[in-house]
Structure formats: structure tokens, C-alpha cells
Amino acid sequence: METHKILINACFGGFSVSYKALQLYYQRKYNQKLYFYKSINWDGDYVRCKLEEAESAFTADLGEHYNKYEENHSDTYVSKYSFDRTDPVLIEIVEELGKEANGPYADLKVVTIKGNKYRINEYDGYESIETPYTIKWDIIKD
């Protein structure tokens, strides 16, 4: 039976990748550069910053400064939360970076399953994998 790798979050908090992992992902998957920004006040002002200081990422260069309330850049915004959990590029990056791939409150783990059917169970951000082979069935006795 063939096996498949799936990426999950193995701690309370929630699934997310680091900006370092996100940058590598966009380079390898799309051959695309990301631009990073951080907030400088409560008025929605952001400035371009280094990867290590990033609070948001975009596929477009928004310039040195932008205001999220005055400008809509949702078409170029890149989320660090939503991914195909079976994406081989993302899995390779997580295996390569180890803990450096973890976003805030995340502990990413690659799980190998038998077959091609799975479901991710989640409680308060902590995820586990369920497959037809891991379900414990109750049987009605006649």
C-alpha cells in the first residue's frame, strides 16, 4: 500500500508557517519574491522590513510605506495559515528547516499515512490525523 506525507500542527495554538518557510515556499513553488512589512502604529501604517521583523507578506512591492485602511492589497497578501497539507514542496521545506519552519504557536510535524484517505482532527489548534486504518470501530454483537 502506498504512503503519503501530511503536515499537521502538533501543539495547542494553530497551524502556521514562519515567514522564512513562507519565503522559501514562494521561491521554490512559484519562483516569486515576497515583500515583508511590519506595523508601526495603531493607525494601520506599515513599513517594509527585514524577514526577521515581518508581520505580513505580499507578492507585490507596496513601497516603503502603506496604510492598510487606505489601500487594499488583498490580492497580493500571502497567508501563512492556509496550505495544501500534502504539498510536497511545503513538506520538503518543513523537513529541511525543522523548528525554524514553525509559525507562532505552532509545532509542525510531518505524518506518514497508509493509503490516500485522511481527515485532520483539530482541538484548540492541536491536530491529529485519522485514517480508515486508525479508526477504532465499535461492533454490535448479535
C-alpha atoms as a PDB file:
ATOM      1  CA  MET A   1       0.000   0.000   0.000  1.00  0.00           C
ATOM      2  CA  GLU A   2       1.307   3.416  -0.905  1.00  0.00           C
ATOM      3  CA  THR A   3       2.080   6.018   1.746  1.00  0.00           C
ATOM      4  CA  HIS A   4       1.625   9.792   1.805  1.00  0.00           C
ATOM      5  CA  LYS A   5       3.020  12.612   3.910  1.00  0.00           C
ATOM      6  CA  ILE A   6       0.741  15.154   5.565  1.00  0.00           C
ATOM      7  CA  LEU A   7       1.681  18.270   7.510  1.00  0.00           C
ATOM      8  CA  ILE A   8      -0.053  18.971  10.841  1.00  0.00           C
ATOM      9  CA  ASN A   9       0.344  21.180  13.903  1.00  0.00           C
ATOM     10  CA  ALA A  10       1.351  19.064  16.920  1.00  0.00           C
ATOM     11  CA  CYS A  11       0.666  21.529  19.748  1.00  0.00           C
ATOM     12  CA  PHE A  12      -2.078  23.791  21.050  1.00  0.00           C
ATOM     13  CA  GLY A  13      -2.123  27.084  19.194  1.00  0.00           C
ATOM     14  CA  GLY A  14      -2.673  26.658  15.477  1.00  0.00           C
ATOM     15  CA  PHE A  15      -1.171  25.754  12.142  1.00  0.00           C
ATOM     16  CA  SER A  16       1.107  28.371  10.622  1.00  0.00           C
ATOM     17  CA  VAL A  17       4.488  28.530   8.956  1.00  0.00           C
ATOM     18  CA  SER A  18       7.261  31.011   9.670  1.00  0.00           C
ATOM     19  CA  TYR A  19       7.989  33.830   7.259  1.00  0.00           C
ATOM     20  CA  LYS A  20      11.279  32.106   6.464  1.00  0.00           C
ATOM     21  CA  ALA A  21       9.378  28.974   5.395  1.00  0.00           C
ATOM     22  CA  LEU A  22       6.853  31.096   3.504  1.00  0.00           C
ATOM     23  CA  GLN A  23       9.622  32.871   1.608  1.00  0.00           C
ATOM     24  CA  LEU A  24      11.269  29.566   0.629  1.00  0.00           C
ATOM     25  CA  TYR A  25       7.911  28.150  -0.407  1.00  0.00           C
ATOM     26  CA  TYR A  26       7.155  31.034  -2.778  1.00  0.00           C
ATOM     27  CA  GLN A  27      10.674  30.910  -4.219  1.00  0.00           C
ATOM     28  CA  ARG A  28      10.550  27.179  -4.913  1.00  0.00           C
ATOM     29  CA  LYS A  29       6.901  26.770  -5.858  1.00  0.00           C
ATOM     30  CA  TYR A  30       6.297  29.940  -7.880  1.00  0.00           C
ATOM     31  CA  ASN A  31       9.782  31.420  -8.422  1.00  0.00           C
ATOM     32  CA  GLN A  32       8.390  34.541  -6.760  1.00  0.00           C
ATOM     33  CA  LYS A  33       9.859  37.001  -4.283  1.00  0.00           C
ATOM     34  CA  LEU A  34       7.919  38.132  -1.218  1.00  0.00           C
ATOM     35  CA  TYR A  35       7.939  41.590   0.362  1.00  0.00           C
ATOM     36  CA  PHE A  36       7.675  41.893   4.132  1.00  0.00           C
ATOM     37  CA  TYR A  37       6.077  44.608   6.242  1.00  0.00           C
ATOM     38  CA  LYS A  38       5.568  45.447   9.913  1.00  0.00           C
ATOM     39  CA  SER A  39       3.145  47.721  11.728  1.00  0.00           C
ATOM     40  CA  ILE A  40       4.487  50.991  13.102  1.00  0.00           C
ATOM     41  CA  ASN A  41       1.343  52.342  14.820  1.00  0.00           C
ATOM     42  CA  TRP A  42      -2.322  51.675  15.610  1.00  0.00           C
ATOM     43  CA  ASP A  43      -3.443  53.764  12.624  1.00  0.00           C
ATOM     44  CA  GLY A  44      -2.765  50.982  10.104  1.00  0.00           C
ATOM     45  CA  ASP A  45       0.618  52.226   8.916  1.00  0.00           C
ATOM     46  CA  TYR A  46       3.119  49.589   7.798  1.00  0.00           C
ATOM     47  CA  VAL A  47       6.710  49.853   6.589  1.00  0.00           C
ATOM     48  CA  ARG A  48       8.844  47.457   4.577  1.00  0.00           C
ATOM     49  CA  CYS A  49      11.088  45.415   6.873  1.00  0.00           C
ATOM     50  CA  LYS A  50      13.507  42.525   7.106  1.00  0.00           C
ATOM     51  CA  LEU A  51      12.211  38.967   7.137  1.00  0.00           C
ATOM     52  CA  GLU A  52      13.011  38.640  10.857  1.00  0.00           C
ATOM     53  CA  GLU A  53      10.707  41.575  11.747  1.00  0.00           C
ATOM     54  CA  ALA A  54       7.826  40.652   9.401  1.00  0.00           C
ATOM     55  CA  GLU A  55       4.179  40.805  10.425  1.00  0.00           C
ATOM     56  CA  SER A  56       2.777  40.414   6.911  1.00  0.00           C
ATOM     57  CA  ALA A  57       3.907  39.330   3.447  1.00  0.00           C
ATOM     58  CA  PHE A  58       2.903  40.299  -0.091  1.00  0.00           C
ATOM     59  CA  THR A  59       3.759  39.154  -3.604  1.00  0.00           C
ATOM     60  CA  ALA A  60       3.890  42.795  -4.742  1.00  0.00           C
ATOM     61  CA  ASP A  61       6.225  45.550  -3.606  1.00  0.00           C
ATOM     62  CA  LEU A  62       3.945  48.045  -1.838  1.00  0.00           C
ATOM     63  CA  GLY A  63       6.743  50.577  -1.494  1.00  0.00           C
ATOM     64  CA  GLU A  64       8.443  51.707   1.688  1.00  0.00           C
ATOM     65  CA  HIS A  65       5.157  52.530   3.409  1.00  0.00           C
ATOM     66  CA  TYR A  66       1.453  51.748   3.097  1.00  0.00           C
ATOM     67  CA  ASN A  67      -1.695  52.155   5.175  1.00  0.00           C
ATOM     68  CA  LYS A  68      -3.961  49.121   5.384  1.00  0.00           C
ATOM     69  CA  TYR A  69      -7.046  51.305   5.900  1.00  0.00           C
ATOM     70  CA  GLU A  70      -6.366  53.498   2.871  1.00  0.00           C
ATOM     71  CA  GLU A  71      -5.092  50.862   0.435  1.00  0.00           C
ATOM     72  CA  ASN A  72      -6.460  47.421  -0.396  1.00  0.00           C
ATOM     73  CA  HIS A  73      -3.762  44.872  -1.160  1.00  0.00           C
ATOM     74  CA  SER A  74      -5.756  41.711  -0.501  1.00  0.00           C
ATOM     75  CA  ASP A  75      -4.970  40.422  -3.994  1.00  0.00           C
ATOM     76  CA  THR A  76      -1.228  40.274  -3.190  1.00  0.00           C
ATOM     77  CA  TYR A  77      -1.419  39.336   0.519  1.00  0.00           C
ATOM     78  CA  VAL A  78       0.157  35.957   1.377  1.00  0.00           C
ATOM     79  CA  SER A  79      -1.244  33.960   4.287  1.00  0.00           C
ATOM     80  CA  LYS A  80       0.999  31.788   6.433  1.00  0.00           C
ATOM     81  CA  TYR A  81      -2.003  29.784   7.648  1.00  0.00           C
ATOM     82  CA  SER A  82      -3.657  28.186   4.606  1.00  0.00           C
ATOM     83  CA  PHE A  83      -1.902  25.456   2.658  1.00  0.00           C
ATOM     84  CA  ASP A  84      -2.468  22.129   0.993  1.00  0.00           C
ATOM     85  CA  ARG A  85      -1.155  19.927   3.802  1.00  0.00           C
ATOM     86  CA  THR A  86       0.091  17.349   1.284  1.00  0.00           C
ATOM     87  CA  ASP A  87       2.076  19.815  -0.853  1.00  0.00           C
ATOM     88  CA  PRO A  88       5.463  18.140  -1.409  1.00  0.00           C
ATOM     89  CA  VAL A  89       7.266  21.496  -1.673  1.00  0.00           C
ATOM     90  CA  LEU A  90       5.939  22.655   1.686  1.00  0.00           C
ATOM     91  CA  ILE A  91       6.680  19.302   3.312  1.00  0.00           C
ATOM     92  CA  GLU A  92      10.246  19.376   1.985  1.00  0.00           C
ATOM     93  CA  ILE A  93      10.760  22.881   3.424  1.00  0.00           C
ATOM     94  CA  VAL A  94       9.376  21.887   6.843  1.00  0.00           C
ATOM     95  CA  GLU A  95      11.626  18.807   6.922  1.00  0.00           C
ATOM     96  CA  GLU A  96      14.596  20.934   5.873  1.00  0.00           C
ATOM     97  CA  LEU A  97      14.052  23.831   8.309  1.00  0.00           C
ATOM     98  CA  GLY A  98      12.805  21.826  11.280  1.00  0.00           C
ATOM     99  CA  LYS A  99      11.667  24.142  14.097  1.00  0.00           C
ATOM    100  CA  GLU A 100      12.571  27.220  12.016  1.00  0.00           C
ATOM    101  CA  ALA A 101       9.539  26.392   9.827  1.00  0.00           C
ATOM    102  CA  ASN A 102       7.123  26.842  12.744  1.00  0.00           C
ATOM    103  CA  GLY A 103       4.926  29.898  12.811  1.00  0.00           C
ATOM    104  CA  PRO A 104       3.875  31.447  16.128  1.00  0.00           C
ATOM    105  CA  TYR A 105       2.222  28.921  18.444  1.00  0.00           C
ATOM    106  CA  ALA A 106       2.926  26.075  16.006  1.00  0.00           C
ATOM    107  CA  ASP A 107       4.920  22.863  16.121  1.00  0.00           C
ATOM    108  CA  LEU A 108       4.774  21.478  12.604  1.00  0.00           C
ATOM    109  CA  LYS A 109       5.085  17.752  12.136  1.00  0.00           C
ATOM    110  CA  VAL A 110       5.126  15.556   9.045  1.00  0.00           C
ATOM    111  CA  VAL A 111       2.983  12.444   9.458  1.00  0.00           C
ATOM    112  CA  THR A 112       3.142   9.496   7.053  1.00  0.00           C
ATOM    113  CA  ILE A 113      -0.079   7.605   6.460  1.00  0.00           C
ATOM    114  CA  LYS A 114      -1.000   4.444   4.585  1.00  0.00           C
ATOM    115  CA  GLY A 115      -3.449   4.911   1.737  1.00  0.00           C
ATOM    116  CA  ASN A 116      -4.888   8.164   0.416  1.00  0.00           C
ATOM    117  CA  LYS A 117      -7.831   8.896   2.730  1.00  0.00           C
ATOM    118  CA  TYR A 118      -7.401  11.054   5.801  1.00  0.00           C
ATOM    119  CA  ARG A 119      -9.047  13.626   7.992  1.00  0.00           C
ATOM    120  CA  ILE A 120      -7.356  16.218  10.181  1.00  0.00           C
ATOM    121  CA  ASN A 121      -8.917  16.409  13.635  1.00  0.00           C
ATOM    122  CA  GLU A 122      -8.305  19.652  15.484  1.00  0.00           C
ATOM    123  CA  TYR A 123      -8.863  20.774  19.048  1.00  0.00           C
ATOM    124  CA  ASP A 124      -7.694  24.246  20.089  1.00  0.00           C
ATOM    125  CA  GLY A 125      -5.119  24.213  17.284  1.00  0.00           C
ATOM    126  CA  TYR A 126      -3.699  20.780  18.167  1.00  0.00           C
ATOM    127  CA  GLU A 127      -4.133  18.483  15.167  1.00  0.00           C
ATOM    128  CA  SER A 128      -4.061  14.739  14.621  1.00  0.00           C
ATOM    129  CA  ILE A 129      -4.641  12.529  11.601  1.00  0.00           C
ATOM    130  CA  GLU A 130      -7.395   9.990  11.298  1.00  0.00           C
ATOM    131  CA  THR A 131      -7.432   7.377   8.523  1.00  0.00           C
ATOM    132  CA  PRO A 132      -9.676   4.391   7.833  1.00  0.00           C
ATOM    133  CA  TYR A 133      -6.900   2.285   9.395  1.00  0.00           C
ATOM    134  CA  THR A 134      -6.670   4.257  12.656  1.00  0.00           C
ATOM    135  CA  ILE A 135     -10.369   4.378  13.498  1.00  0.00           C
ATOM    136  CA  LYS A 136     -11.362   2.046  16.284  1.00  0.00           C
ATOM    137  CA  TRP A 137     -14.774   0.719  15.353  1.00  0.00           C
ATOM    138  CA  ASP A 138     -17.365  -0.456  17.834  1.00  0.00           C
ATOM    139  CA  ILE A 139     -19.069  -3.617  16.701  1.00  0.00           C
ATOM    140  CA  ILE A 140     -22.638  -4.539  17.573  1.00  0.00           C
ATOM    141  CA  LYS A 141     -22.794  -8.054  18.900  1.00  0.00           C
ATOM    142  CA  ASP A 142     -25.833 -10.108  17.825  1.00  0.00           C
END
